[in-house]
C-alpha atoms as a PDB file:
ATOM      1  CA  MET A   1     -51.638 -64.596  -4.942  1.00  0.00           C
ATOM      2  CA  THR A   2     -53.651 -62.517  -7.214  1.00  0.00           C
ATOM      3  CA  PRO A   3     -53.284 -62.589 -10.941  1.00  0.00           C
ATOM      4  CA  GLU A   4     -52.069 -59.042 -10.917  1.00  0.00           C
ATOM      5  CA  SER A   5     -49.242 -59.827  -8.537  1.00  0.00           C
ATOM      6  CA  LEU A   6     -48.196 -62.823 -10.644  1.00  0.00           C
ATOM      7  CA  GLU A   7     -48.106 -60.670 -13.703  1.00  0.00           C
ATOM      8  CA  GLY A   8     -45.976 -58.108 -11.863  1.00  0.00           C
ATOM      9  CA  GLU A   9     -43.531 -60.873 -10.858  1.00  0.00           C
ATOM     10  CA  ARG A  10     -43.278 -62.042 -14.448  1.00  0.00           C
ATOM     11  CA  ARG A  11     -42.590 -58.574 -15.668  1.00  0.00           C
ATOM     12  CA  SER A  12     -39.902 -57.994 -13.086  1.00  0.00           C
ATOM     13  CA  SER A  13     -38.198 -61.293 -13.845  1.00  0.00           C
ATOM     14  CA  THR A  14     -38.222 -60.791 -17.611  1.00  0.00           C
ATOM     15  CA  GLN A  15     -37.332 -57.127 -17.620  1.00  0.00           C
ATOM     16  CA  GLN A  16     -33.847 -55.959 -16.904  1.00  0.00           C
ATOM     17  CA  PRO A  17     -33.455 -53.476 -14.115  1.00  0.00           C
ATOM     18  CA  ALA A  18     -33.424 -49.893 -15.346  1.00  0.00           C
ATOM     19  CA  PRO A  19     -29.918 -48.439 -15.514  1.00  0.00           C
ATOM     20  CA  ARG A  20     -29.187 -46.130 -12.663  1.00  0.00           C
ATOM     21  CA  LEU A  21     -29.196 -42.563 -13.897  1.00  0.00           C
ATOM     22  CA  THR A  22     -26.608 -40.420 -12.212  1.00  0.00           C
ATOM     23  CA  SER A  23     -27.384 -36.818 -11.872  1.00  0.00           C
ATOM     24  CA  ILE A  24     -24.940 -34.079 -12.711  1.00  0.00           C
ATOM     25  CA  ALA A  25     -24.714 -33.213  -9.037  1.00  0.00           C
ATOM     26  CA  GLU A  26     -23.681 -36.785  -8.145  1.00  0.00           C
ATOM     27  CA  ARG A  27     -21.019 -36.806 -10.839  1.00  0.00           C
ATOM     28  CA  ASP A  28     -19.787 -33.421  -9.667  1.00  0.00           C
ATOM     29  CA  ARG A  29     -19.650 -34.668  -6.066  1.00  0.00           C
ATOM     30  CA  SER A  30     -17.646 -37.706  -7.078  1.00  0.00           C
ATOM     31  CA  ALA A  31     -15.270 -35.549  -9.100  1.00  0.00           C
ATOM     32  CA  ARG A  32     -14.850 -33.202  -6.154  1.00  0.00           C
ATOM     33  CA  ARG A  33     -14.312 -36.094  -3.812  1.00  0.00           C
ATOM     34  CA  GLY A  34     -11.370 -37.167  -5.984  1.00  0.00           C
ATOM     35  CA  LEU A  35      -9.982 -33.625  -5.908  1.00  0.00           C
ATOM     36  CA  LEU A  36     -10.275 -33.390  -2.148  1.00  0.00           C
ATOM     37  CA  ASP A  37      -8.474 -36.716  -1.724  1.00  0.00           C
ATOM     38  CA  ASP A  38      -5.425 -35.288  -3.510  1.00  0.00           C
ATOM     39  CA  PRO A  39      -2.562 -35.064  -0.987  1.00  0.00           C
ATOM     40  CA  ASP A  40      -0.984 -32.170  -2.923  1.00  0.00           C
ATOM     41  CA  LEU A  41      -4.131 -30.020  -2.769  1.00  0.00           C
ATOM     42  CA  PRO A  42      -2.863 -27.558  -0.131  1.00  0.00           C
ATOM     43  CA  ALA A  43       0.383 -27.049  -2.042  1.00  0.00           C
ATOM     44  CA  LYS A  44      -1.502 -26.527  -5.312  1.00  0.00           C
ATOM     45  CA  VAL A  45      -3.852 -23.987  -3.723  1.00  0.00           C
ATOM     46  CA  VAL A  46      -0.954 -22.086  -2.171  1.00  0.00           C
ATOM     47  CA  ASP A  47       0.912 -22.094  -5.500  1.00  0.00           C
ATOM     48  CA  ARG A  48      -2.134 -20.721  -7.334  1.00  0.00           C
ATOM     49  CA  ILE A  49      -2.651 -17.976  -4.741  1.00  0.00           C
ATOM     50  CA  ASP A  50       1.047 -17.129  -4.847  1.00  0.00           C
ATOM     51  CA  SER A  51       1.070 -16.900  -8.648  1.00  0.00           C
ATOM     52  CA  ALA A  52      -2.062 -14.700  -8.598  1.00  0.00           C
ATOM     53  CA  VAL A  53      -0.446 -12.360  -6.074  1.00  0.00           C
ATOM     54  CA  ASP A  54       2.734 -12.213  -8.175  1.00  0.00           C
ATOM     55  CA  VAL A  55       0.745 -11.338 -11.299  1.00  0.00           C
ATOM     56  CA  PHE A  56      -1.155  -8.629  -9.404  1.00  0.00           C
ATOM     57  CA  ARG A  57       2.057  -7.190  -8.009  1.00  0.00           C
ATOM     58  CA  THR A  58       3.923  -7.107 -11.326  1.00  0.00           C
ATOM     59  CA  ARG A  59       1.046  -5.846 -13.479  1.00  0.00           C
ATOM     60  CA  ILE A  60      -0.771  -3.485 -11.133  1.00  0.00           C
ATOM     61  CA  ALA A  61       1.003  -2.646  -7.894  1.00  0.00           C
ATOM     62  CA  GLU A  62       4.527  -2.009  -9.188  1.00  0.00           C
ATOM     63  CA  PRO A  63       3.508   0.442 -11.967  1.00  0.00           C
ATOM     64  CA  ILE A  64       1.285   2.338  -9.522  1.00  0.00           C
ATOM     65  CA  GLU A  65       4.141   2.457  -7.013  1.00  0.00           C
ATOM     66  CA  ARG A  66       6.568   3.771  -9.645  1.00  0.00           C
ATOM     67  CA  ALA A  67       4.095   6.431 -10.796  1.00  0.00           C
ATOM     68  CA  ALA A  68       3.406   7.563  -7.240  1.00  0.00           C
ATOM     69  CA  THR A  69       7.129   7.754  -6.496  1.00  0.00           C
ATOM     70  CA  ALA A  70       7.746   9.808  -9.650  1.00  0.00           C
ATOM     71  CA  ILE A  71       4.931  12.224  -8.791  1.00  0.00           C
ATOM     72  CA  VAL A  72       6.105  12.708  -5.205  1.00  0.00           C
ATOM     73  CA  LEU A  73       9.734  13.248  -6.223  1.00  0.00           C
ATOM     74  CA  SER A  74       8.711  15.695  -8.964  1.00  0.00           C
ATOM     75  CA  VAL A  75       6.597  17.754  -6.568  1.00  0.00           C
ATOM     76  CA  LEU A  76       9.410  17.808  -4.000  1.00  0.00           C
ATOM     77  CA  THR A  77      11.905  18.868  -6.667  1.00  0.00           C
ATOM     78  CA  VAL A  78       9.665  21.742  -7.791  1.00  0.00           C
ATOM     79  CA  ILE A  79       9.085  22.911  -4.206  1.00  0.00           C
ATOM     80  CA  ILE A  80      12.794  22.762  -3.336  1.00  0.00           C
ATOM     81  CA  GLY A  81      13.685  24.482  -6.627  1.00  0.00           C
ATOM     82  CA  ILE A  82      11.267  27.356  -6.010  1.00  0.00           C
ATOM     83  CA  ALA A  83      12.590  27.769  -2.468  1.00  0.00           C
ATOM     84  CA  ALA A  84      16.205  27.737  -3.697  1.00  0.00           C
ATOM     85  CA  VAL A  85      15.573  30.331  -6.430  1.00  0.00           C
ATOM     86  CA  THR A  86      13.738  32.558  -3.945  1.00  0.00           C
ATOM     87  CA  MET A  87      16.599  32.380  -1.439  1.00  0.00           C
ATOM     88  CA  ILE A  88      19.190  33.099  -4.141  1.00  0.00           C
ATOM     89  CA  VAL A  89      17.255  36.155  -5.334  1.00  0.00           C
ATOM     90  CA  ILE A  90      16.881  37.425  -1.751  1.00  0.00           C
ATOM     91  CA  GLY A  91      20.597  36.874  -1.137  1.00  0.00           C
ATOM     92  CA  LEU A  92      21.579  38.688  -4.324  1.00  0.00           C
ATOM     93  CA  PHE A  93      19.246  41.569  -3.466  1.00  0.00           C
ATOM     94  CA  ARG A  94      20.821  41.908  -0.023  1.00  0.00           C
ATOM     95  CA  LEU A  95      24.324  41.709  -1.526  1.00  0.00           C
ATOM     96  CA  VAL A  96      23.571  44.479  -4.043  1.00  0.00           C
ATOM     97  CA  SER A  97      21.869  46.470  -1.293  1.00  0.00           C
ATOM     98  CA  GLU A  98      24.974  46.205   0.912  1.00  0.00           C
ATOM     99  CA  LEU A  99      27.306  47.097  -1.950  1.00  0.00           C
ATOM    100  CA  PHE A 100      25.389  50.320  -2.556  1.00  0.00           C
ATOM    101  CA  SER A 101      24.659  50.887   1.138  1.00  0.00           C
ATOM    102  CA  PRO A 102      23.967  54.617   1.094  1.00  0.00           C
ATOM    103  CA  TYR A 103      22.012  54.282  -2.168  1.00  0.00           C
ATOM    104  CA  GLU A 104      19.625  51.347  -1.589  1.00  0.00           C
ATOM    105  CA  TRP A 105      17.363  52.538  -4.351  1.00  0.00           C
ATOM    106  CA  ILE A 106      19.934  51.222  -6.858  1.00  0.00           C
ATOM    107  CA  ALA A 107      19.309  47.636  -5.674  1.00  0.00           C
ATOM    108  CA  HIS A 108      15.558  48.182  -6.059  1.00  0.00           C
ATOM    109  CA  ALA A 109      16.021  49.651  -9.530  1.00  0.00           C
ATOM    110  CA  VAL A 110      18.352  46.851 -10.697  1.00  0.00           C
ATOM    111  CA  PHE A 111      16.045  44.069  -9.556  1.00  0.00           C
ATOM    112  CA  GLY A 112      12.957  45.940 -10.761  1.00  0.00           C
ATOM    113  CA  VAL A 113      14.394  46.258 -14.260  1.00  0.00           C
ATOM    114  CA  LEU A 114      15.555  42.624 -14.175  1.00  0.00           C
ATOM    115  CA  PHE A 115      12.094  41.318 -13.266  1.00  0.00           C
ATOM    116  CA  VAL A 116      10.353  43.577 -15.791  1.00  0.00           C
ATOM    117  CA  VAL A 117      12.644  42.339 -18.570  1.00  0.00           C
ATOM    118  CA  LEU A 118      12.027  38.687 -17.554  1.00  0.00           C
ATOM    119  CA  GLY A 119       8.261  39.251 -17.423  1.00  0.00           C
ATOM    120  CA  VAL A 120       8.125  40.967 -20.814  1.00  0.00           C
ATOM    121  CA  SER A 121      10.245  38.257 -22.451  1.00  0.00           C
ATOM    122  CA  VAL A 122       7.977  35.512 -21.089  1.00  0.00           C
ATOM    123  CA  PHE A 123       4.907  37.453 -22.213  1.00  0.00           C
ATOM    124  CA  TRP A 124       6.245  37.972 -25.738  1.00  0.00           C
ATOM    125  CA  ARG A 125       7.187  34.322 -26.126  1.00  0.00           C
ATOM    126  CA  LYS A 126       3.749  33.197 -25.019  1.00  0.00           C
ATOM    127  CA  ALA A 127       1.749  35.865 -26.857  1.00  0.00           C
ATOM    128  CA  PHE A 128       3.402  35.476 -30.262  1.00  0.00           C
ATOM    129  CA  ARG A 129       3.961  31.760 -30.305  1.00  0.00           C
ATOM    130  CA  ASN A 130       2.808  30.009 -33.508  1.00  0.00           C
ATOM    131  CA  PRO A 131      -0.317  27.942 -32.782  1.00  0.00           C
END
């Protein structure tokens, strides 16, 4: 034995072993290992996913669905209303035309005056409205 080796043996016998330093990764692995050993893990994951989907549905999907439904129903109501008013006007025109059968120009005059009066009243309301 050399004197250097003896000195190394003395140092190792008198010194305490250095404490084992655990890295953050090792601690994280051990923490994850405990999480993965949990028998309720699948149930917890499913519950979290389910609650996230419920939150998404109540806060985002349902208001969008209600708005889309309101828009579609409003557009359909306007289209059906315009069609109904048009058919009523055509029916009334034909009725007046049949009532004054030999004088069809009376039906044209009546509806012409009616539409001119409606147009002028809408124009006056819009033109002289207070800003």
